[in-house]
Amino acid sequence: MRRGQCGCGEVKVETTGEPSSRLICNCKSCQKRTGSDYSNNVYFLHEHVKIYGKVNGHTRSAQEERTLTNFFCPKCGMTIYWAMELDPKTTGVAVAVFDVDDFKTPKASIWEKYKRPWINFDSSIIKIQNQT
């Protein structure tokens, strides 16, 4: 079991088992959501994720005309997890919310066409120009 929380501690997350994947996302939406150059994410089946505390949600258009709903702490504003139209059985969770990052190396870097030119990931990580 892994545990984590938002920046103020009002929202907590607990996951069981291993994620189905760990990805780096370079899309413009993740850049805006994180305020960084990319996001570092793990994906679990819904039944392996428990959220404690009140969250607010914001649904937005994602790339390729799909929707994505970010769920965040109403007090500190930190995004904890999200649900995607692309993969309705999984919950994406920001790696940064976990107390310990003991996940495997990301298997892929997606939306590479938006990756900042000075960022270089390990050569073992698959580079994908879009999402699919």
C-alpha atoms as a PDB file:
ATOM      1  CA  MET A   1       0.000   0.000   0.000  1.00  0.00           C
ATOM      2  CA  ARG A   2       1.175   3.493  -0.853  1.00  0.00           C
ATOM      3  CA  ARG A   3      -0.035   6.677   0.776  1.00  0.00           C
ATOM      4  CA  GLY A   4       0.185  10.333  -0.067  1.00  0.00           C
ATOM      5  CA  GLN A   5      -1.516  13.657   0.353  1.00  0.00           C
ATOM      6  CA  CYS A   6      -1.977  17.103  -1.100  1.00  0.00           C
ATOM      7  CA  GLY A   7       0.197  20.042  -0.080  1.00  0.00           C
ATOM      8  CA  CYS A   8      -1.906  20.978   2.951  1.00  0.00           C
ATOM      9  CA  GLY A   9      -2.809  17.422   4.012  1.00  0.00           C
ATOM     10  CA  GLU A  10      -6.591  17.846   3.702  1.00  0.00           C
ATOM     11  CA  VAL A  11      -6.870  15.258   0.899  1.00  0.00           C
ATOM     12  CA  LYS A  12      -5.198  11.889   1.214  1.00  0.00           C
ATOM     13  CA  VAL A  13      -4.723   9.079  -1.299  1.00  0.00           C
ATOM     14  CA  GLU A  14      -4.128   5.400  -0.700  1.00  0.00           C
ATOM     15  CA  THR A  15      -3.356   2.871  -3.428  1.00  0.00           C
ATOM     16  CA  THR A  16      -3.003  -0.893  -3.402  1.00  0.00           C
ATOM     17  CA  GLY A  17      -1.071  -3.078  -5.795  1.00  0.00           C
ATOM     18  CA  GLU A  18       1.117  -1.868  -8.605  1.00  0.00           C
ATOM     19  CA  PRO A  19       0.054   0.720 -11.164  1.00  0.00           C
ATOM     20  CA  SER A  20      -0.826  -0.448 -14.654  1.00  0.00           C
ATOM     21  CA  SER A  21       1.686   2.113 -15.952  1.00  0.00           C
ATOM     22  CA  ARG A  22       3.878   5.070 -15.139  1.00  0.00           C
ATOM     23  CA  LEU A  23       4.152   7.753 -17.801  1.00  0.00           C
ATOM     24  CA  ILE A  24       5.683  11.147 -18.298  1.00  0.00           C
ATOM     25  CA  CYS A  25       3.326  13.543 -20.065  1.00  0.00           C
ATOM     26  CA  ASN A  26       4.611  16.589 -21.940  1.00  0.00           C
ATOM     27  CA  CYS A  27       1.231  17.849 -23.208  1.00  0.00           C
ATOM     28  CA  LYS A  28       0.343  21.520 -22.903  1.00  0.00           C
ATOM     29  CA  SER A  29      -2.500  20.746 -20.487  1.00  0.00           C
ATOM     30  CA  CYS A  30      -0.195  18.922 -18.052  1.00  0.00           C
ATOM     31  CA  GLN A  31       2.339  21.731 -18.349  1.00  0.00           C
ATOM     32  CA  LYS A  32      -0.371  24.182 -17.314  1.00  0.00           C
ATOM     33  CA  ARG A  33      -1.802  21.902 -14.603  1.00  0.00           C
ATOM     34  CA  THR A  34       1.568  21.345 -12.943  1.00  0.00           C
ATOM     35  CA  GLY A  35       3.247  24.663 -13.697  1.00  0.00           C
ATOM     36  CA  SER A  36       6.188  22.584 -14.879  1.00  0.00           C
ATOM     37  CA  ASP A  37       7.608  21.247 -18.121  1.00  0.00           C
ATOM     38  CA  TYR A  38       5.973  17.810 -17.794  1.00  0.00           C
ATOM     39  CA  SER A  39       3.984  15.644 -15.408  1.00  0.00           C
ATOM     40  CA  ASN A  40       5.031  12.368 -13.812  1.00  0.00           C
ATOM     41  CA  ASN A  41       2.022  10.059 -13.441  1.00  0.00           C
ATOM     42  CA  VAL A  42       0.961   6.598 -12.354  1.00  0.00           C
ATOM     43  CA  TYR A  43      -2.262   4.872 -13.406  1.00  0.00           C
ATOM     44  CA  PHE A  44      -4.276   2.414 -11.313  1.00  0.00           C
ATOM     45  CA  LEU A  45      -7.569   0.626 -11.832  1.00  0.00           C
ATOM     46  CA  HIS A  46     -10.246   2.609  -9.941  1.00  0.00           C
ATOM     47  CA  GLU A  47     -10.714  -0.116  -7.330  1.00  0.00           C
ATOM     48  CA  HIS A  48      -7.064   0.241  -6.251  1.00  0.00           C
ATOM     49  CA  VAL A  49      -7.376   3.942  -5.354  1.00  0.00           C
ATOM     50  CA  LYS A  50      -9.037   5.412  -2.262  1.00  0.00           C
ATOM     51  CA  ILE A  51      -9.377   9.142  -1.729  1.00  0.00           C
ATOM     52  CA  TYR A  52     -10.054  10.668   1.689  1.00  0.00           C
ATOM     53  CA  GLY A  53     -11.228  14.248   2.056  1.00  0.00           C
ATOM     54  CA  LYS A  54     -13.224  16.633  -0.057  1.00  0.00           C
ATOM     55  CA  VAL A  55     -12.075  17.336  -3.621  1.00  0.00           C
ATOM     56  CA  ASN A  56     -13.292  19.636  -6.346  1.00  0.00           C
ATOM     57  CA  GLY A  57     -13.324  18.583  -9.974  1.00  0.00           C
ATOM     58  CA  HIS A  58     -12.717  20.450 -13.193  1.00  0.00           C
ATOM     59  CA  THR A  59     -13.503  18.839 -16.547  1.00  0.00           C
ATOM     60  CA  ARG A  60     -11.604  20.133 -19.522  1.00  0.00           C
ATOM     61  CA  SER A  61     -10.944  19.278 -23.112  1.00  0.00           C
ATOM     62  CA  ALA A  62      -7.831  17.220 -23.572  1.00  0.00           C
ATOM     63  CA  GLN A  63      -5.869  16.561 -26.720  1.00  0.00           C
ATOM     64  CA  GLU A  64      -7.648  14.846 -29.602  1.00  0.00           C
ATOM     65  CA  GLU A  65     -11.044  16.199 -28.483  1.00  0.00           C
ATOM     66  CA  ARG A  66     -11.340  13.991 -25.393  1.00  0.00           C
ATOM     67  CA  THR A  67     -12.254  15.063 -21.882  1.00  0.00           C
ATOM     68  CA  LEU A  68     -10.310  14.750 -18.678  1.00  0.00           C
ATOM     69  CA  THR A  69     -11.444  15.627 -15.142  1.00  0.00           C
ATOM     70  CA  ASN A  70      -8.831  16.817 -12.658  1.00  0.00           C
ATOM     71  CA  PHE A  71      -9.663  16.428  -8.963  1.00  0.00           C
ATOM     72  CA  PHE A  72      -7.924  18.803  -6.604  1.00  0.00           C
ATOM     73  CA  CYS A  73      -7.861  19.966  -3.008  1.00  0.00           C
ATOM     74  CA  PRO A  74     -10.178  22.967  -2.556  1.00  0.00           C
ATOM     75  CA  LYS A  75      -7.898  24.373   0.153  1.00  0.00           C
ATOM     76  CA  CYS A  76      -4.397  24.237  -1.416  1.00  0.00           C
ATOM     77  CA  GLY A  77      -5.400  23.659  -5.072  1.00  0.00           C
ATOM     78  CA  MET A  78      -3.072  20.699  -5.644  1.00  0.00           C
ATOM     79  CA  THR A  79      -4.248  18.172  -8.242  1.00  0.00           C
ATOM     80  CA  ILE A  80      -4.312  14.712  -6.682  1.00  0.00           C
ATOM     81  CA  TYR A  81      -5.842  12.531  -9.369  1.00  0.00           C
ATOM     82  CA  TRP A  82      -7.816  12.547 -12.625  1.00  0.00           C
ATOM     83  CA  ALA A  83     -10.223  10.511 -14.715  1.00  0.00           C
ATOM     84  CA  MET A  84      -9.834  10.256 -18.478  1.00  0.00           C
ATOM     85  CA  GLU A  85     -12.305   9.589 -21.242  1.00  0.00           C
ATOM     86  CA  LEU A  86      -9.446   7.833 -23.050  1.00  0.00           C
ATOM     87  CA  ASP A  87      -9.167   5.150 -20.336  1.00  0.00           C
ATOM     88  CA  PRO A  88     -12.356   5.128 -18.242  1.00  0.00           C
ATOM     89  CA  LYS A  89     -11.307   2.199 -16.013  1.00  0.00           C
ATOM     90  CA  THR A  90      -8.196   3.862 -14.604  1.00  0.00           C
ATOM     91  CA  THR A  91      -7.380   6.698 -12.259  1.00  0.00           C
ATOM     92  CA  GLY A  92      -4.295   8.786 -12.900  1.00  0.00           C
ATOM     93  CA  VAL A  93      -2.410   9.952  -9.818  1.00  0.00           C
ATOM     94  CA  ALA A  94       0.393  12.503  -9.642  1.00  0.00           C
ATOM     95  CA  VAL A  95       3.552  10.741  -8.427  1.00  0.00           C
ATOM     96  CA  ALA A  96       4.475  13.837  -6.394  1.00  0.00           C
ATOM     97  CA  VAL A  97       1.575  13.301  -3.955  1.00  0.00           C
ATOM     98  CA  PHE A  98       2.996  10.009  -2.679  1.00  0.00           C
ATOM     99  CA  ASP A  99       5.128   9.978   0.458  1.00  0.00           C
ATOM    100  CA  VAL A 100       7.674   7.711  -1.264  1.00  0.00           C
ATOM    101  CA  ASP A 101       8.371   7.289  -4.988  1.00  0.00           C
ATOM    102  CA  ASP A 102       9.227   3.601  -5.245  1.00  0.00           C
ATOM    103  CA  PHE A 103       7.517   3.068  -8.585  1.00  0.00           C
ATOM    104  CA  LYS A 104       9.334   1.575 -11.555  1.00  0.00           C
ATOM    105  CA  THR A 105      10.939   3.872 -14.120  1.00  0.00           C
ATOM    106  CA  PRO A 106       8.360   5.435 -16.470  1.00  0.00           C
ATOM    107  CA  LYS A 107       7.760   3.210 -19.479  1.00  0.00           C
ATOM    108  CA  ALA A 108       7.049   6.073 -21.866  1.00  0.00           C
ATOM    109  CA  SER A 109       7.134   9.795 -22.411  1.00  0.00           C
ATOM    110  CA  ILE A 110       3.985  10.865 -24.261  1.00  0.00           C
ATOM    111  CA  TRP A 111       3.238  14.021 -26.223  1.00  0.00           C
ATOM    112  CA  GLU A 112       6.926  14.326 -27.047  1.00  0.00           C
ATOM    113  CA  LYS A 113       6.063  16.864 -29.739  1.00  0.00           C
ATOM    114  CA  TYR A 114       5.451  19.350 -26.862  1.00  0.00           C
ATOM    115  CA  LYS A 115       8.538  18.368 -24.855  1.00  0.00           C
ATOM    116  CA  ARG A 116      10.904  21.217 -24.080  1.00  0.00           C
ATOM    117  CA  PRO A 117      14.020  20.863 -26.260  1.00  0.00           C
ATOM    118  CA  TRP A 118      16.449  20.909 -23.308  1.00  0.00           C
ATOM    119  CA  ILE A 119      14.789  17.964 -21.522  1.00  0.00           C
ATOM    120  CA  ASN A 120      16.269  14.528 -22.107  1.00  0.00           C
ATOM    121  CA  PHE A 121      14.870  11.379 -20.532  1.00  0.00           C
ATOM    122  CA  ASP A 122      16.677   8.091 -20.083  1.00  0.00           C
ATOM    123  CA  SER A 123      17.122   6.172 -23.343  1.00  0.00           C
ATOM    124  CA  SER A 124      15.137   3.219 -21.915  1.00  0.00           C
ATOM    125  CA  ILE A 125      11.961   5.349 -21.874  1.00  0.00           C
ATOM    126  CA  ILE A 126       9.845   4.970 -25.033  1.00  0.00           C
ATOM    127  CA  LYS A 127       9.233   8.307 -26.791  1.00  0.00           C
ATOM    128  CA  ILE A 128       5.740   8.784 -28.248  1.00  0.00           C
ATOM    129  CA  GLN A 129       4.928  11.921 -30.254  1.00  0.00           C
ATOM    130  CA  ASN A 130       1.215  11.894 -29.362  1.00  0.00           C
ATOM    131  CA  GLN A 131      -0.682   9.802 -26.835  1.00  0.00           C
ATOM    132  CA  THR A 132      -1.607   6.711 -28.772  1.00  0.00           C
END
